[in-house]
Amino acid sequence: MKIERYVLPLLGAVVLAAAGMSVPANAAAEELVKFSVVDGQSIPASLTGKPGDPVKGREVAIHRKKGNCLACHTLPAPDQPYHGEVGPGLNGVASRLSEGEIRLRIVNPKYANPATIMPAFYRTEGLHRVAKKFQGKPMLTAEEVEDVVAYLMTLKE
């Protein structure tokens, strides 16, 4: 089963920009791209059409105001304090999940697990209790998603 997802442009960012208000660069510069979820388990195609950069992906993953994966997961990042234990450890994640499965869990993990508390990093609609300044904006750009996917794909056992 193939489910098509169409995500609308960031109209709120355009309105704010037209009003002369500042908009984060990633929100103003990028429309969310169309992607396909296959069998409710995977987004096999890159959001950008090209592979991400694993070095940049690690930076996003450990950045406390961007990916912030460390809030809930352990990572092979001994230079970073305070790894979370709410989610599964990410050491070896590429041995357990495919690239498309990892991408889906970053874009919108509720497809794979409707009960998860993990946030959707590339979604703008259907969210609750979003701070006003972040409404209509994804947490990560498509390029950042692909960078994190590339980094996580290096984590094999």
C-alpha atoms as a PDB file:
ATOM      1  CA  MET A   1       0.000   0.000   0.000  1.00  0.00           C
ATOM      2  CA  LYS A   2       1.380   3.393  -0.950  1.00  0.00           C
ATOM      3  CA  ILE A   3       0.139   6.489   0.835  1.00  0.00           C
ATOM      4  CA  GLU A   4       0.778   9.845  -0.798  1.00  0.00           C
ATOM      5  CA  ARG A   5       1.311  12.781   1.536  1.00  0.00           C
ATOM      6  CA  TYR A   6       1.013  16.337   0.283  1.00  0.00           C
ATOM      7  CA  VAL A   7       2.227  19.031   2.565  1.00  0.00           C
ATOM      8  CA  LEU A   8       1.151  22.614   1.942  1.00  0.00           C
ATOM      9  CA  PRO A   9       3.622  25.483   1.594  1.00  0.00           C
ATOM     10  CA  LEU A  10       4.547  27.458   4.651  1.00  0.00           C
ATOM     11  CA  LEU A  11       2.023  30.226   4.156  1.00  0.00           C
ATOM     12  CA  GLY A  12       2.488  31.483   7.688  1.00  0.00           C
ATOM     13  CA  ALA A  13       6.169  32.126   7.018  1.00  0.00           C
ATOM     14  CA  VAL A  14       5.298  34.069   3.884  1.00  0.00           C
ATOM     15  CA  VAL A  15       2.783  36.185   5.796  1.00  0.00           C
ATOM     16  CA  LEU A  16       5.299  36.905   8.547  1.00  0.00           C
ATOM     17  CA  ALA A  17       8.002  37.749   6.019  1.00  0.00           C
ATOM     18  CA  ALA A  18       5.634  40.080   4.162  1.00  0.00           C
ATOM     19  CA  ALA A  19       4.848  41.802   7.442  1.00  0.00           C
ATOM     20  CA  GLY A  20       8.571  42.388   7.991  1.00  0.00           C
ATOM     21  CA  MET A  21       8.842  39.973  10.896  1.00  0.00           C
ATOM     22  CA  SER A  22      11.797  37.646  11.192  1.00  0.00           C
ATOM     23  CA  VAL A  23      11.325  34.041  10.185  1.00  0.00           C
ATOM     24  CA  PRO A  24      13.912  31.315  10.807  1.00  0.00           C
ATOM     25  CA  ALA A  25      15.945  30.750   7.650  1.00  0.00           C
ATOM     26  CA  ASN A  26      14.928  27.113   7.286  1.00  0.00           C
ATOM     27  CA  ALA A  27      11.206  27.913   7.461  1.00  0.00           C
ATOM     28  CA  ALA A  28      11.269  30.832   5.052  1.00  0.00           C
ATOM     29  CA  ALA A  29      13.536  29.190   2.506  1.00  0.00           C
ATOM     30  CA  GLU A  30      11.867  25.798   2.207  1.00  0.00           C
ATOM     31  CA  GLU A  31       8.473  24.425   1.302  1.00  0.00           C
ATOM     32  CA  LEU A  32       7.837  20.993   2.696  1.00  0.00           C
ATOM     33  CA  VAL A  33       8.307  18.446  -0.051  1.00  0.00           C
ATOM     34  CA  LYS A  34       5.903  15.732  -1.100  1.00  0.00           C
ATOM     35  CA  PHE A  35       6.910  12.268   0.078  1.00  0.00           C
ATOM     36  CA  SER A  36       5.498   8.761  -0.091  1.00  0.00           C
ATOM     37  CA  VAL A  37       5.069   6.463   2.890  1.00  0.00           C
ATOM     38  CA  VAL A  38       5.242   2.830   1.789  1.00  0.00           C
ATOM     39  CA  ASP A  39       3.347   0.208   3.792  1.00  0.00           C
ATOM     40  CA  GLY A  40       3.112   2.637   6.700  1.00  0.00           C
ATOM     41  CA  GLN A  41       6.710   1.793   7.565  1.00  0.00           C
ATOM     42  CA  SER A  42       9.132   3.605   5.269  1.00  0.00           C
ATOM     43  CA  ILE A  43       9.905   6.719   3.249  1.00  0.00           C
ATOM     44  CA  PRO A  44      12.352   5.109   0.819  1.00  0.00           C
ATOM     45  CA  ALA A  45      13.125   8.195  -1.285  1.00  0.00           C
ATOM     46  CA  SER A  46      15.325  11.045  -0.095  1.00  0.00           C
ATOM     47  CA  LEU A  47      13.426  14.249   0.646  1.00  0.00           C
ATOM     48  CA  THR A  48      16.067  16.220  -1.245  1.00  0.00           C
ATOM     49  CA  GLY A  49      16.797  13.755  -4.027  1.00  0.00           C
ATOM     50  CA  LYS A  50      20.360  13.317  -2.819  1.00  0.00           C
ATOM     51  CA  PRO A  51      22.176  11.715   0.105  1.00  0.00           C
ATOM     52  CA  GLY A  52      22.747  13.663   3.281  1.00  0.00           C
ATOM     53  CA  ASP A  53      26.050  14.519   4.926  1.00  0.00           C
ATOM     54  CA  PRO A  54      26.701  12.298   7.971  1.00  0.00           C
ATOM     55  CA  VAL A  55      29.085  14.828   9.573  1.00  0.00           C
ATOM     56  CA  LYS A  56      26.401  17.536   9.444  1.00  0.00           C
ATOM     57  CA  GLY A  57      23.846  14.957  10.560  1.00  0.00           C
ATOM     58  CA  ARG A  58      25.777  14.216  13.731  1.00  0.00           C
ATOM     59  CA  GLU A  59      25.895  17.954  14.467  1.00  0.00           C
ATOM     60  CA  VAL A  60      22.111  18.229  14.047  1.00  0.00           C
ATOM     61  CA  ALA A  61      21.480  15.082  16.107  1.00  0.00           C
ATOM     62  CA  ILE A  62      23.461  16.335  19.104  1.00  0.00           C
ATOM     63  CA  HIS A  63      22.436  20.005  18.792  1.00  0.00           C
ATOM     64  CA  ARG A  64      20.223  20.693  21.810  1.00  0.00           C
ATOM     65  CA  LYS A  65      17.993  23.167  19.926  1.00  0.00           C
ATOM     66  CA  LYS A  66      17.746  21.307  16.619  1.00  0.00           C
ATOM     67  CA  GLY A  67      17.553  17.526  16.483  1.00  0.00           C
ATOM     68  CA  ASN A  68      18.206  17.049  20.192  1.00  0.00           C
ATOM     69  CA  CYS A  69      18.242  13.272  19.795  1.00  0.00           C
ATOM     70  CA  LEU A  70      20.232  13.080  23.031  1.00  0.00           C
ATOM     71  CA  ALA A  71      17.204  14.224  25.016  1.00  0.00           C
ATOM     72  CA  CYS A  72      15.694  10.747  24.617  1.00  0.00           C
ATOM     73  CA  HIS A  73      18.331   8.478  23.061  1.00  0.00           C
ATOM     74  CA  THR A  74      21.874   7.362  23.748  1.00  0.00           C
ATOM     75  CA  LEU A  75      24.311   7.939  20.895  1.00  0.00           C
ATOM     76  CA  PRO A  76      27.970   7.132  20.366  1.00  0.00           C
ATOM     77  CA  ALA A  77      28.848  10.667  21.427  1.00  0.00           C
ATOM     78  CA  PRO A  78      30.968  10.397  24.574  1.00  0.00           C
ATOM     79  CA  ASP A  79      31.860  14.080  24.248  1.00  0.00           C
ATOM     80  CA  GLN A  80      28.205  14.953  24.961  1.00  0.00           C
ATOM     81  CA  PRO A  81      26.778  14.730  28.486  1.00  0.00           C
ATOM     82  CA  TYR A  82      23.290  13.685  29.541  1.00  0.00           C
ATOM     83  CA  HIS A  83      22.055  11.089  27.083  1.00  0.00           C
ATOM     84  CA  GLY A  84      18.376  10.219  27.462  1.00  0.00           C
ATOM     85  CA  GLU A  85      16.992   6.774  28.085  1.00  0.00           C
ATOM     86  CA  VAL A  86      13.323   7.267  27.180  1.00  0.00           C
ATOM     87  CA  GLY A  87      13.781   6.079  23.592  1.00  0.00           C
ATOM     88  CA  PRO A  88      15.848   3.174  22.325  1.00  0.00           C
ATOM     89  CA  GLY A  89      19.603   3.558  22.068  1.00  0.00           C
ATOM     90  CA  LEU A  90      20.723   4.570  18.587  1.00  0.00           C
ATOM     91  CA  ASN A  91      23.982   2.613  18.593  1.00  0.00           C
ATOM     92  CA  GLY A  92      23.525   0.054  15.827  1.00  0.00           C
ATOM     93  CA  VAL A  93      20.264   1.567  14.550  1.00  0.00           C
ATOM     94  CA  ALA A  94      21.353   1.067  10.918  1.00  0.00           C
ATOM     95  CA  SER A  95      21.624  -2.661  11.609  1.00  0.00           C
ATOM     96  CA  ARG A  96      18.024  -2.748  12.820  1.00  0.00           C
ATOM     97  CA  LEU A  97      16.250  -0.345  10.457  1.00  0.00           C
ATOM     98  CA  SER A  98      16.511   0.506   6.773  1.00  0.00           C
ATOM     99  CA  GLU A  99      17.284   4.005   5.548  1.00  0.00           C
ATOM    100  CA  GLY A 100      13.613   4.514   4.658  1.00  0.00           C
ATOM    101  CA  GLU A 101      12.465   3.330   8.080  1.00  0.00           C
ATOM    102  CA  ILE A 102      14.861   5.731   9.781  1.00  0.00           C
ATOM    103  CA  ARG A 103      13.692   8.584   7.525  1.00  0.00           C
ATOM    104  CA  LEU A 104      10.037   7.877   8.429  1.00  0.00           C
ATOM    105  CA  ARG A 105      10.821   7.911  12.147  1.00  0.00           C
ATOM    106  CA  ILE A 106      12.421  11.332  11.812  1.00  0.00           C
ATOM    107  CA  VAL A 107       9.780  12.826   9.510  1.00  0.00           C
ATOM    108  CA  ASN A 108       6.778  11.515  11.479  1.00  0.00           C
ATOM    109  CA  PRO A 109       7.334   8.629  13.903  1.00  0.00           C
ATOM    110  CA  LYS A 110       3.600   8.222  14.563  1.00  0.00           C
ATOM    111  CA  TYR A 111       3.340   6.167  11.353  1.00  0.00           C
ATOM    112  CA  ALA A 112       5.488   3.441  12.871  1.00  0.00           C
ATOM    113  CA  ASN A 113       4.241   3.837  16.449  1.00  0.00           C
ATOM    114  CA  PRO A 114       1.064   5.880  17.046  1.00  0.00           C
ATOM    115  CA  ALA A 115       1.746   5.896  20.815  1.00  0.00           C
ATOM    116  CA  THR A 116       5.268   7.341  20.584  1.00  0.00           C
ATOM    117  CA  ILE A 117       6.151  10.565  22.349  1.00  0.00           C
ATOM    118  CA  MET A 118       8.856  11.306  19.767  1.00  0.00           C
ATOM    119  CA  PRO A 119       8.052  14.515  17.892  1.00  0.00           C
ATOM    120  CA  ALA A 120       7.650  14.745  14.127  1.00  0.00           C
ATOM    121  CA  PHE A 121      10.645  16.688  12.822  1.00  0.00           C
ATOM    122  CA  TYR A 122       9.295  17.334   9.317  1.00  0.00           C
ATOM    123  CA  ARG A 123       5.618  18.031   9.819  1.00  0.00           C
ATOM    124  CA  THR A 124       3.620  21.206  10.286  1.00  0.00           C
ATOM    125  CA  GLU A 125      -0.027  20.120  10.413  1.00  0.00           C
ATOM    126  CA  GLY A 126      -2.054  18.219  12.971  1.00  0.00           C
ATOM    127  CA  LEU A 127       0.271  19.120  15.832  1.00  0.00           C
ATOM    128  CA  HIS A 128      -0.862  20.232  19.269  1.00  0.00           C
ATOM    129  CA  ARG A 129       0.547  22.709  21.778  1.00  0.00           C
ATOM    130  CA  VAL A 130       3.076  24.224  19.371  1.00  0.00           C
ATOM    131  CA  ALA A 131       4.625  27.508  20.508  1.00  0.00           C
ATOM    132  CA  LYS A 132       3.335  30.359  18.363  1.00  0.00           C
ATOM    133  CA  LYS A 133       6.769  31.224  16.930  1.00  0.00           C
ATOM    134  CA  PHE A 134       7.153  27.645  15.655  1.00  0.00           C
ATOM    135  CA  GLN A 135       3.677  27.144  14.173  1.00  0.00           C
ATOM    136  CA  GLY A 136       3.743  26.291  10.486  1.00  0.00           C
ATOM    137  CA  LYS A 137       7.469  25.505  10.550  1.00  0.00           C
ATOM    138  CA  PRO A 138       9.144  22.105  10.566  1.00  0.00           C
ATOM    139  CA  MET A 139      11.693  21.403  13.266  1.00  0.00           C
ATOM    140  CA  LEU A 140      14.224  20.359  10.617  1.00  0.00           C
ATOM    141  CA  THR A 141      14.656  21.181   6.941  1.00  0.00           C
ATOM    142  CA  ALA A 142      14.573  18.399   4.343  1.00  0.00           C
ATOM    143  CA  GLU A 143      18.361  18.680   4.058  1.00  0.00           C
ATOM    144  CA  GLU A 144      18.779  18.361   7.838  1.00  0.00           C
ATOM    145  CA  VAL A 145      16.517  15.290   7.842  1.00  0.00           C
ATOM    146  CA  GLU A 146      18.694  13.714   5.148  1.00  0.00           C
ATOM    147  CA  ASP A 147      21.856  14.626   7.053  1.00  0.00           C
ATOM    148  CA  VAL A 148      20.542  12.949  10.220  1.00  0.00           C
ATOM    149  CA  VAL A 149      19.485   9.891   8.191  1.00  0.00           C
ATOM    150  CA  ALA A 150      22.999   9.723   6.685  1.00  0.00           C
ATOM    151  CA  TYR A 151      24.561   9.956  10.159  1.00  0.00           C
ATOM    152  CA  LEU A 152      22.284   7.303  11.656  1.00  0.00           C
ATOM    153  CA  MET A 153      23.054   5.011   8.704  1.00  0.00           C
ATOM    154  CA  THR A 154      26.694   5.021   9.844  1.00  0.00           C
ATOM    155  CA  LEU A 155      25.679   3.518  13.194  1.00  0.00           C
ATOM    156  CA  LYS A 156      25.963  -0.208  12.491  1.00  0.00           C
ATOM    157  CA  GLU A 157      26.838  -3.017  14.861  1.00  0.00           C
END
